[in-house]
């Protein structure tokens, strides 16, 4: 009896919100939906980037696409010594998601700060590898990713600047 009463009450509340238009206030952008400014191809601007301790990357391209459950990122980079790597991930705010193709970390968890800013925790086997903050400019033409890793080894502080590739 209580379950039926709860179901009827819940149905009444949903009906009230739907007919009054109040439900629209609750239908904000899904946590799975990436900011539209992010979607597309981004190229590292080596001259505007800073790597500590270094050396800087020779190049990096990031391609972000919408996916059913978040955003898919594909990153292709060339290190200063000529070594290259490519890795992929699917990310969604508040969810621990798998990263493939890179040995340093195997998962990423995003936290939304605002529409153009998010933090990422990169982990390997449940141990935090590093943290990153992504900030997209309001005009959607530039992006900065700041990466920090504090460990018993040499601390890392990289500030990578990207330009959006116009198709």
N, C-alpha and C. Protein backbone atom coordinates (compact mmCIF):
# COMPACT_ATOMS: atom_id res chain seq x y z
N UNK A 1 0.82 -1.20 0.00
CA UNK A 1 0.00 0.00 0.00
C UNK A 1 0.86 1.26 0.00
N UNK A 2 1.92 1.28 0.84
CA UNK A 2 2.80 2.46 0.90
C UNK A 2 3.51 2.66 -0.43
N UNK A 3 3.96 1.56 -1.07
CA UNK A 3 4.65 1.67 -2.35
C UNK A 3 3.73 2.28 -3.40
N UNK A 4 2.47 1.84 -3.41
CA UNK A 4 1.52 2.38 -4.38
C UNK A 4 1.27 3.86 -4.11
N UNK A 5 1.12 4.24 -2.85
CA UNK A 5 0.92 5.64 -2.49
C UNK A 5 2.12 6.49 -2.91
N UNK A 6 3.34 5.98 -2.69
CA UNK A 6 4.55 6.69 -3.09
C UNK A 6 4.61 6.86 -4.60
N UNK A 7 4.26 5.80 -5.34
CA UNK A 7 4.28 5.87 -6.80
C UNK A 7 3.27 6.89 -7.31
N UNK A 8 2.07 6.91 -6.72
CA UNK A 8 1.04 7.86 -7.13
C UNK A 8 1.49 9.28 -6.80
N UNK A 9 2.06 9.48 -5.62
CA UNK A 9 2.54 10.80 -5.22
C UNK A 9 3.65 11.27 -6.14
N UNK A 10 4.60 10.39 -6.44
CA UNK A 10 5.69 10.75 -7.34
C UNK A 10 5.15 11.10 -8.72
N UNK A 11 4.22 10.32 -9.22
CA UNK A 11 3.62 10.60 -10.53
C UNK A 11 2.93 11.96 -10.52
N UNK A 12 2.25 12.29 -9.42
CA UNK A 12 1.57 13.58 -9.32
C UNK A 12 2.58 14.74 -9.33
N UNK A 13 3.68 14.58 -8.63
CA UNK A 13 4.70 15.63 -8.60
C UNK A 13 5.29 15.83 -10.00
N UNK A 14 5.62 14.73 -10.69
CA UNK A 14 6.16 14.83 -12.05
C UNK A 14 5.15 15.50 -12.97
N UNK A 15 3.88 15.12 -12.85
CA UNK A 15 2.84 15.73 -13.69
C UNK A 15 2.72 17.22 -13.41
N UNK A 16 2.79 17.61 -12.16
CA UNK A 16 2.71 19.01 -11.79
C UNK A 16 3.89 19.79 -12.36
N UNK A 17 5.09 19.23 -12.20
CA UNK A 17 6.27 19.92 -12.71
C UNK A 17 6.23 20.02 -14.24
N UNK A 18 5.76 18.96 -14.90
CA UNK A 18 5.71 18.95 -16.35
C UNK A 18 4.70 19.97 -16.87
N UNK A 19 3.51 20.01 -16.30
CA UNK A 19 2.49 20.92 -16.80
C UNK A 19 2.77 22.36 -16.42
N UNK A 20 3.49 22.58 -15.32
CA UNK A 20 3.77 23.96 -14.92
C UNK A 20 5.02 24.52 -15.59
N UNK A 21 5.75 23.65 -16.28
CA UNK A 21 6.97 24.11 -16.93
C UNK A 21 8.16 24.12 -15.98
N UNK A 22 7.93 23.79 -14.73
CA UNK A 22 9.02 23.81 -13.75
C UNK A 22 10.04 22.71 -14.02
N UNK A 23 9.63 21.65 -14.69
CA UNK A 23 10.55 20.56 -14.96
C UNK A 23 11.71 21.05 -15.82
N UNK A 24 11.45 22.02 -16.67
CA UNK A 24 12.51 22.57 -17.51
C UNK A 24 13.65 23.14 -16.69
N UNK A 25 13.36 23.65 -15.52
CA UNK A 25 14.41 24.18 -14.67
C UNK A 25 15.35 23.09 -14.18
N UNK A 26 14.84 21.86 -14.13
CA UNK A 26 15.65 20.74 -13.67
C UNK A 26 16.35 20.03 -14.82
N UNK A 27 16.03 20.38 -16.04
CA UNK A 27 16.62 19.72 -17.19
C UNK A 27 17.83 20.51 -17.70
N UNK A 28 18.77 20.71 -16.81
CA UNK A 28 19.99 21.38 -17.20
C UNK A 28 20.83 20.41 -18.02
N UNK A 29 21.91 20.90 -18.61
CA UNK A 29 22.77 20.06 -19.43
C UNK A 29 23.19 18.82 -18.65
N UNK A 30 23.08 17.68 -19.29
CA UNK A 30 23.47 16.42 -18.69
C UNK A 30 24.94 16.46 -18.29
N UNK A 31 25.27 15.76 -17.20
CA UNK A 31 26.67 15.71 -16.79
C UNK A 31 27.51 15.01 -17.85
N UNK A 32 26.88 14.23 -18.71
CA UNK A 32 27.62 13.51 -19.75
C UNK A 32 27.96 14.42 -20.93
N UNK A 33 27.30 15.53 -21.04
CA UNK A 33 27.49 16.39 -22.21
C UNK A 33 28.67 17.34 -22.01
N UNK A 34 29.66 17.26 -22.89
CA UNK A 34 30.82 18.14 -22.77
C UNK A 34 30.47 19.56 -23.21
N UNK A 35 31.27 20.55 -22.78
CA UNK A 35 31.01 21.90 -23.26
C UNK A 35 31.21 21.96 -24.77
N UNK A 36 30.32 22.62 -25.51
CA UNK A 36 30.43 22.65 -26.97
C UNK A 36 31.74 23.23 -27.47
N UNK A 37 32.34 24.16 -26.70
CA UNK A 37 33.61 24.77 -27.12
C UNK A 37 34.74 23.74 -27.15
N UNK A 38 34.63 22.66 -26.38
CA UNK A 38 35.68 21.65 -26.31
C UNK A 38 35.74 20.78 -27.56
N UNK A 39 34.59 20.51 -28.15
CA UNK A 39 34.51 19.57 -29.25
C UNK A 39 35.31 20.07 -30.46
N UNK A 40 36.17 19.20 -30.98
CA UNK A 40 36.98 19.55 -32.13
C UNK A 40 38.43 19.13 -31.94
N UNK A 41 39.30 19.69 -32.77
CA UNK A 41 40.72 19.35 -32.76
C UNK A 41 41.52 20.52 -32.19
N UNK A 42 42.46 20.19 -31.31
CA UNK A 42 43.31 21.18 -30.65
C UNK A 42 44.77 20.81 -30.88
N UNK A 43 45.60 21.81 -31.21
CA UNK A 43 47.04 21.59 -31.41
C UNK A 43 47.82 22.35 -30.36
N UNK A 44 48.82 21.68 -29.82
CA UNK A 44 49.70 22.29 -28.82
C UNK A 44 50.46 23.45 -29.45
N UNK A 45 50.47 24.58 -28.75
CA UNK A 45 51.29 25.72 -29.14
C UNK A 45 52.54 25.65 -28.25
N UNK A 46 53.58 25.02 -28.77
CA UNK A 46 54.80 24.76 -27.99
C UNK A 46 55.41 26.06 -27.48
N UNK A 47 55.41 27.11 -28.30
CA UNK A 47 56.02 28.38 -27.92
C UNK A 47 55.35 29.01 -26.70
N UNK A 48 54.06 28.79 -26.53
CA UNK A 48 53.32 29.38 -25.40
C UNK A 48 53.22 28.44 -24.20
N UNK A 49 53.77 27.23 -24.32
CA UNK A 49 53.67 26.23 -23.26
C UNK A 49 54.94 26.22 -22.42
N UNK A 50 54.80 25.77 -21.16
CA UNK A 50 55.94 25.69 -20.24
C UNK A 50 55.94 24.31 -19.59
N UNK A 51 57.11 23.66 -19.61
CA UNK A 51 57.25 22.32 -19.03
C UNK A 51 58.35 22.34 -17.98
N UNK A 52 57.99 21.93 -16.78
CA UNK A 52 58.97 21.86 -15.70
C UNK A 52 58.88 20.47 -15.09
N UNK A 53 59.91 19.66 -15.17
CA UNK A 53 61.27 20.03 -15.46
C UNK A 53 61.62 20.04 -16.95
N UNK A 54 60.80 19.59 -17.84
CA UNK A 54 61.12 19.58 -19.26
C UNK A 54 61.75 18.26 -19.66
N UNK A 55 62.09 18.09 -20.88
CA UNK A 55 61.94 19.01 -22.01
C UNK A 55 60.48 19.08 -22.47
N UNK A 56 60.16 20.09 -23.29
CA UNK A 56 58.79 20.20 -23.78
C UNK A 56 58.48 19.14 -24.82
N UNK A 57 57.21 18.94 -25.05
CA UNK A 57 56.79 18.07 -26.15
C UNK A 57 57.16 18.74 -27.47
N UNK A 58 57.39 17.94 -28.49
CA UNK A 58 57.59 18.49 -29.84
C UNK A 58 56.25 18.87 -30.44
N UNK A 59 55.26 18.02 -30.20
CA UNK A 59 53.92 18.29 -30.73
C UNK A 59 52.88 17.47 -29.97
N UNK A 60 51.65 17.94 -30.04
CA UNK A 60 50.52 17.18 -29.48
C UNK A 60 49.26 17.65 -30.16
N UNK A 61 48.41 16.69 -30.50
CA UNK A 61 47.09 16.98 -31.06
C UNK A 61 46.07 16.27 -30.20
N UNK A 62 45.02 16.98 -29.82
CA UNK A 62 43.93 16.42 -29.03
C UNK A 62 42.65 16.55 -29.85
N UNK A 63 41.93 15.44 -29.98
CA UNK A 63 40.66 15.45 -30.69
C UNK A 63 39.57 15.03 -29.70
N UNK A 64 38.60 15.92 -29.49
CA UNK A 64 37.49 15.66 -28.59
C UNK A 64 36.20 15.53 -29.39
N UNK A 65 35.46 14.45 -29.13
CA UNK A 65 34.17 14.23 -29.78
C UNK A 65 33.13 13.89 -28.73
N UNK A 66 31.88 14.22 -29.04
CA UNK A 66 30.78 13.85 -28.16
C UNK A 66 30.59 12.35 -28.22
N UNK A 67 30.29 11.77 -27.09
CA UNK A 67 29.97 10.35 -27.00
C UNK A 67 28.68 10.23 -26.20
N UNK A 68 28.06 9.07 -26.26
CA UNK A 68 26.81 8.86 -25.54
C UNK A 68 26.96 9.11 -24.05
N UNK A 69 28.09 8.72 -23.50
CA UNK A 69 28.29 8.84 -22.06
C UNK A 69 29.44 9.79 -21.71
N UNK A 70 29.51 10.94 -22.38
CA UNK A 70 30.53 11.91 -22.04
C UNK A 70 31.26 12.44 -23.26
N UNK A 71 32.57 12.54 -23.13
CA UNK A 71 33.40 13.03 -24.22
C UNK A 71 34.53 12.02 -24.45
N UNK A 72 34.82 11.77 -25.72
CA UNK A 72 35.92 10.89 -26.08
C UNK A 72 37.10 11.77 -26.45
N UNK A 73 38.24 11.47 -25.84
CA UNK A 73 39.47 12.18 -26.14
C UNK A 73 40.48 11.25 -26.76
N UNK A 74 41.10 11.70 -27.83
CA UNK A 74 42.20 10.96 -28.47
C UNK A 74 43.38 11.92 -28.52
N UNK A 75 44.47 11.52 -27.89
CA UNK A 75 45.65 12.38 -27.78
C UNK A 75 46.82 11.71 -28.49
N UNK A 76 47.44 12.44 -29.41
CA UNK A 76 48.64 11.97 -30.12
C UNK A 76 49.75 12.97 -29.83
N UNK A 77 50.88 12.46 -29.32
CA UNK A 77 51.96 13.38 -28.96
C UNK A 77 53.31 12.83 -29.37
N UNK A 78 54.25 13.77 -29.54
CA UNK A 78 55.64 13.44 -29.82
C UNK A 78 56.48 14.14 -28.75
N UNK A 79 57.27 13.36 -28.03
CA UNK A 79 58.13 13.89 -26.97
C UNK A 79 59.38 14.53 -27.56
N UNK A 80 60.11 15.25 -26.73
CA UNK A 80 61.34 15.91 -27.15
C UNK A 80 62.38 14.96 -27.70
N UNK A 81 62.38 13.71 -27.22
CA UNK A 81 63.36 12.72 -27.69
C UNK A 81 62.90 11.98 -28.95
N UNK A 82 61.73 12.37 -29.50
CA UNK A 82 61.22 11.75 -30.72
C UNK A 82 60.26 10.61 -30.50
N UNK A 83 60.17 10.13 -29.28
CA UNK A 83 59.23 9.05 -28.96
C UNK A 83 57.79 9.55 -29.09
N UNK A 84 56.93 8.70 -29.66
CA UNK A 84 55.53 9.13 -29.82
C UNK A 84 54.61 8.18 -29.08
N UNK A 85 53.41 8.70 -28.76
CA UNK A 85 52.39 7.87 -28.12
C UNK A 85 51.02 8.40 -28.50
N UNK A 86 50.06 7.50 -28.38
CA UNK A 86 48.66 7.83 -28.66
C UNK A 86 47.84 7.15 -27.59
N UNK A 87 46.94 7.90 -26.96
CA UNK A 87 46.06 7.28 -25.98
C UNK A 87 44.65 7.83 -26.12
N UNK A 88 43.70 7.07 -25.59
CA UNK A 88 42.28 7.42 -25.69
C UNK A 88 41.59 7.27 -24.35
N UNK A 89 40.52 8.02 -24.22
CA UNK A 89 39.71 7.87 -23.02
C UNK A 89 38.30 8.36 -23.29
N UNK A 90 37.39 7.90 -22.47
CA UNK A 90 36.03 8.40 -22.43
C UNK A 90 35.90 9.01 -21.05
N UNK A 91 35.48 10.26 -20.96
CA UNK A 91 35.39 10.93 -19.67
C UNK A 91 33.99 11.47 -19.45
N UNK A 92 33.59 11.49 -18.20
CA UNK A 92 32.30 11.99 -17.81
C UNK A 92 32.45 12.57 -16.41
N UNK A 93 31.81 13.68 -16.15
CA UNK A 93 31.93 14.34 -14.85
C UNK A 93 31.50 13.41 -13.72
N UNK A 94 32.37 13.29 -12.72
CA UNK A 94 32.06 12.54 -11.52
C UNK A 94 32.19 11.04 -11.63
N UNK A 95 32.65 10.54 -12.76
CA UNK A 95 32.78 9.09 -12.94
C UNK A 95 34.23 8.74 -13.22
N UNK A 96 34.68 7.64 -12.63
CA UNK A 96 36.02 7.13 -12.90
C UNK A 96 35.94 6.35 -14.21
N UNK A 97 36.67 6.81 -15.23
CA UNK A 97 36.58 6.22 -16.56
C UNK A 97 37.96 5.72 -17.01
N UNK A 98 37.97 4.70 -17.87
CA UNK A 98 39.19 4.05 -18.31
C UNK A 98 39.96 4.86 -19.36
N UNK A 99 41.29 4.81 -19.25
CA UNK A 99 42.20 5.39 -20.23
C UNK A 99 42.99 4.24 -20.83
N UNK A 100 43.15 4.21 -22.15
CA UNK A 100 43.93 3.15 -22.79
C UNK A 100 45.06 3.74 -23.63
N UNK A 101 46.17 2.99 -23.69
CA UNK A 101 47.27 3.37 -24.56
C UNK A 101 48.41 4.12 -23.91
N UNK A 102 48.35 4.33 -22.61
CA UNK A 102 49.40 5.05 -21.90
C UNK A 102 49.71 4.30 -20.60
N UNK A 103 50.97 4.03 -20.32
CA UNK A 103 51.29 3.22 -19.14
C UNK A 103 51.20 3.98 -17.81
N UNK A 104 51.32 5.29 -17.82
CA UNK A 104 51.38 6.06 -16.56
C UNK A 104 50.06 6.10 -15.81
N UNK A 105 48.95 6.11 -16.52
CA UNK A 105 47.66 6.11 -15.83
C UNK A 105 46.64 5.34 -16.63
N UNK A 106 45.66 4.79 -15.90
CA UNK A 106 44.64 3.96 -16.55
C UNK A 106 43.22 4.43 -16.30
N UNK A 107 43.07 5.54 -15.56
CA UNK A 107 41.73 6.08 -15.35
C UNK A 107 41.77 7.59 -15.18
N UNK A 108 40.64 8.20 -15.49
CA UNK A 108 40.48 9.64 -15.35
C UNK A 108 39.12 9.92 -14.73
N UNK A 109 39.08 10.87 -13.80
CA UNK A 109 37.83 11.31 -13.20
C UNK A 109 37.76 12.82 -13.36
N UNK A 110 36.70 13.30 -14.04
CA UNK A 110 36.53 14.74 -14.25
C UNK A 110 35.62 15.35 -13.20
N UNK A 111 35.91 16.60 -12.85
CA UNK A 111 35.04 17.36 -11.96
C UNK A 111 34.80 18.71 -12.63
N UNK A 112 33.54 19.04 -12.83
CA UNK A 112 33.19 20.30 -13.48
C UNK A 112 33.33 21.45 -12.48
N UNK A 113 34.07 22.47 -12.91
CA UNK A 113 34.20 23.69 -12.10
C UNK A 113 33.17 24.72 -12.59
N UNK A 114 33.15 24.96 -13.89
CA UNK A 114 32.14 25.79 -14.53
C UNK A 114 32.04 25.32 -15.99
N UNK A 115 31.31 26.03 -16.82
CA UNK A 115 31.10 25.57 -18.20
C UNK A 115 32.38 25.43 -19.00
N UNK A 116 33.42 26.16 -18.66
CA UNK A 116 34.66 26.15 -19.44
C UNK A 116 35.86 25.60 -18.68
N UNK A 117 35.66 25.19 -17.45
CA UNK A 117 36.76 24.73 -16.60
C UNK A 117 36.43 23.39 -15.97
N UNK A 118 37.39 22.47 -15.99
CA UNK A 118 37.22 21.20 -15.30
C UNK A 118 38.56 20.72 -14.76
N UNK A 119 38.48 19.93 -13.71
CA UNK A 119 39.66 19.30 -13.12
C UNK A 119 39.61 17.82 -13.45
N UNK A 120 40.78 17.22 -13.58
CA UNK A 120 40.88 15.78 -13.84
C UNK A 120 41.87 15.17 -12.86
N UNK A 121 41.49 14.03 -12.31
CA UNK A 121 42.40 13.24 -11.49
C UNK A 121 42.78 12.03 -12.33
N UNK A 122 44.08 11.88 -12.57
CA UNK A 122 44.61 10.77 -13.37
C UNK A 122 45.21 9.75 -12.41
N UNK A 123 44.78 8.49 -12.52
CA UNK A 123 45.21 7.46 -11.58
C UNK A 123 45.68 6.22 -12.31
N UNK A 124 46.52 5.46 -11.61
CA UNK A 124 46.96 4.15 -12.10
C UNK A 124 46.78 3.16 -10.96
N UNK A 125 45.99 2.12 -11.21
CA UNK A 125 45.70 1.09 -10.20
C UNK A 125 45.20 1.71 -8.90
N UNK A 126 44.39 2.77 -9.02
CA UNK A 126 43.81 3.41 -7.85
C UNK A 126 44.70 4.41 -7.14
N UNK A 127 45.92 4.60 -7.61
CA UNK A 127 46.85 5.55 -6.99
C UNK A 127 46.94 6.78 -7.89
N UNK A 128 46.76 7.96 -7.30
CA UNK A 128 46.77 9.21 -8.08
C UNK A 128 48.15 9.41 -8.70
N UNK A 129 48.14 9.59 -10.02
CA UNK A 129 49.35 9.86 -10.78
C UNK A 129 49.59 11.37 -10.86
N UNK A 130 48.53 12.14 -11.08
CA UNK A 130 48.64 13.59 -11.19
C UNK A 130 47.27 14.20 -11.35
N UNK A 131 47.23 15.53 -11.32
CA UNK A 131 45.98 16.26 -11.48
C UNK A 131 46.16 17.29 -12.58
N UNK A 132 45.08 17.57 -13.28
CA UNK A 132 45.11 18.53 -14.37
C UNK A 132 43.90 19.44 -14.29
N UNK A 133 44.07 20.66 -14.77
CA UNK A 133 42.95 21.60 -14.89
C UNK A 133 42.91 22.07 -16.33
N UNK A 134 41.73 21.94 -16.94
CA UNK A 134 41.53 22.38 -18.33
C UNK A 134 40.66 23.63 -18.30
N UNK A 135 41.13 24.69 -18.98
CA UNK A 135 40.37 25.94 -19.07
C UNK A 135 40.28 26.31 -20.55
N UNK A 136 39.06 26.48 -21.03
CA UNK A 136 38.82 26.88 -22.41
C UNK A 136 38.47 28.37 -22.40
N UNK A 137 39.03 29.13 -23.33
CA UNK A 137 38.73 30.56 -23.40
C UNK A 137 37.26 30.77 -23.76
N UNK A 138 36.73 31.92 -23.40
CA UNK A 138 35.32 32.19 -23.67
C UNK A 138 35.01 32.21 -25.16
N UNK A 139 35.99 32.60 -25.99
CA UNK A 139 35.76 32.60 -27.43
C UNK A 139 35.95 31.20 -28.05
N UNK A 140 36.42 30.22 -27.25
CA UNK A 140 36.58 28.86 -27.72
C UNK A 140 37.76 28.64 -28.65
N UNK A 141 38.69 29.60 -28.72
CA UNK A 141 39.82 29.48 -29.65
C UNK A 141 41.08 28.94 -29.00
N UNK A 142 41.19 29.07 -27.68
CA UNK A 142 42.38 28.57 -26.98
C UNK A 142 41.97 27.76 -25.76
N UNK A 143 42.88 26.89 -25.36
CA UNK A 143 42.66 26.04 -24.20
C UNK A 143 43.99 25.90 -23.48
N UNK A 144 43.94 25.88 -22.16
CA UNK A 144 45.13 25.67 -21.35
C UNK A 144 44.90 24.47 -20.45
N UNK A 145 45.87 23.56 -20.42
CA UNK A 145 45.81 22.42 -19.50
C UNK A 145 47.04 22.51 -18.61
N UNK A 146 46.79 22.65 -17.31
CA UNK A 146 47.85 22.70 -16.32
C UNK A 146 47.90 21.34 -15.64
N UNK A 147 49.06 20.71 -15.66
CA UNK A 147 49.24 19.39 -15.07
C UNK A 147 50.25 19.46 -13.94
N UNK A 148 49.91 18.87 -12.79
CA UNK A 148 50.81 18.84 -11.65
C UNK A 148 50.92 17.41 -11.12
N UNK A 149 52.15 17.04 -10.79
CA UNK A 149 52.39 15.75 -10.14
C UNK A 149 53.44 15.97 -9.07
N UNK A 150 53.06 15.65 -7.84
CA UNK A 150 53.98 15.75 -6.71
C UNK A 150 54.28 14.32 -6.28
N UNK A 151 55.55 13.98 -6.25
CA UNK A 151 55.94 12.64 -5.84
C UNK A 151 57.32 12.70 -5.23
N UNK A 152 57.83 11.54 -4.83
CA UNK A 152 59.18 11.52 -4.29
C UNK A 152 60.20 11.82 -5.37
N UNK A 153 59.80 11.64 -6.62
CA UNK A 153 60.65 12.00 -7.75
C UNK A 153 60.60 13.52 -7.93
N UNK A 154 61.09 13.99 -9.03
CA UNK A 154 61.04 15.41 -9.34
C UNK A 154 59.59 15.83 -9.58
N UNK A 155 59.11 16.86 -8.87
CA UNK A 155 57.74 17.34 -9.13
C UNK A 155 57.60 17.86 -10.56
N UNK A 156 56.41 17.72 -11.10
CA UNK A 156 56.13 18.16 -12.46
C UNK A 156 55.08 19.26 -12.41
N UNK A 157 55.32 20.33 -13.18
CA UNK A 157 54.33 21.41 -13.34
C UNK A 157 54.39 21.85 -14.81
N UNK A 158 53.42 21.42 -15.57
CA UNK A 158 53.36 21.75 -17.00
C UNK A 158 52.15 22.63 -17.26
N UNK A 159 52.34 23.63 -18.09
CA UNK A 159 51.24 24.48 -18.55
C UNK A 159 51.26 24.41 -20.07
N UNK A 160 50.30 23.68 -20.62
CA UNK A 160 50.24 23.47 -22.07
C UNK A 160 49.15 24.35 -22.67
N UNK A 161 49.53 25.12 -23.69
CA UNK A 161 48.60 26.00 -24.39
C UNK A 161 48.23 25.37 -25.73
N UNK A 162 46.96 25.41 -26.06
CA UNK A 162 46.46 24.80 -27.30
C UNK A 162 45.66 25.82 -28.09
N UNK A 163 45.73 25.67 -29.42
CA UNK A 163 44.92 26.47 -30.33
C UNK A 163 43.94 25.53 -31.01
N UNK A 164 42.70 25.98 -31.13
CA UNK A 164 41.69 25.16 -31.80
C UNK A 164 41.93 25.20 -33.30
N UNK A 165 41.86 24.04 -33.92
CA UNK A 165 42.03 23.93 -35.37
C UNK A 165 40.69 24.22 -36.02
N UNK A 166 40.67 25.18 -36.91
CA UNK A 166 39.44 25.54 -37.61
C UNK A 166 39.36 24.70 -38.87
N UNK A 167 38.25 23.99 -39.03
CA UNK A 167 38.07 23.13 -40.21
C UNK A 167 37.55 23.89 -41.38
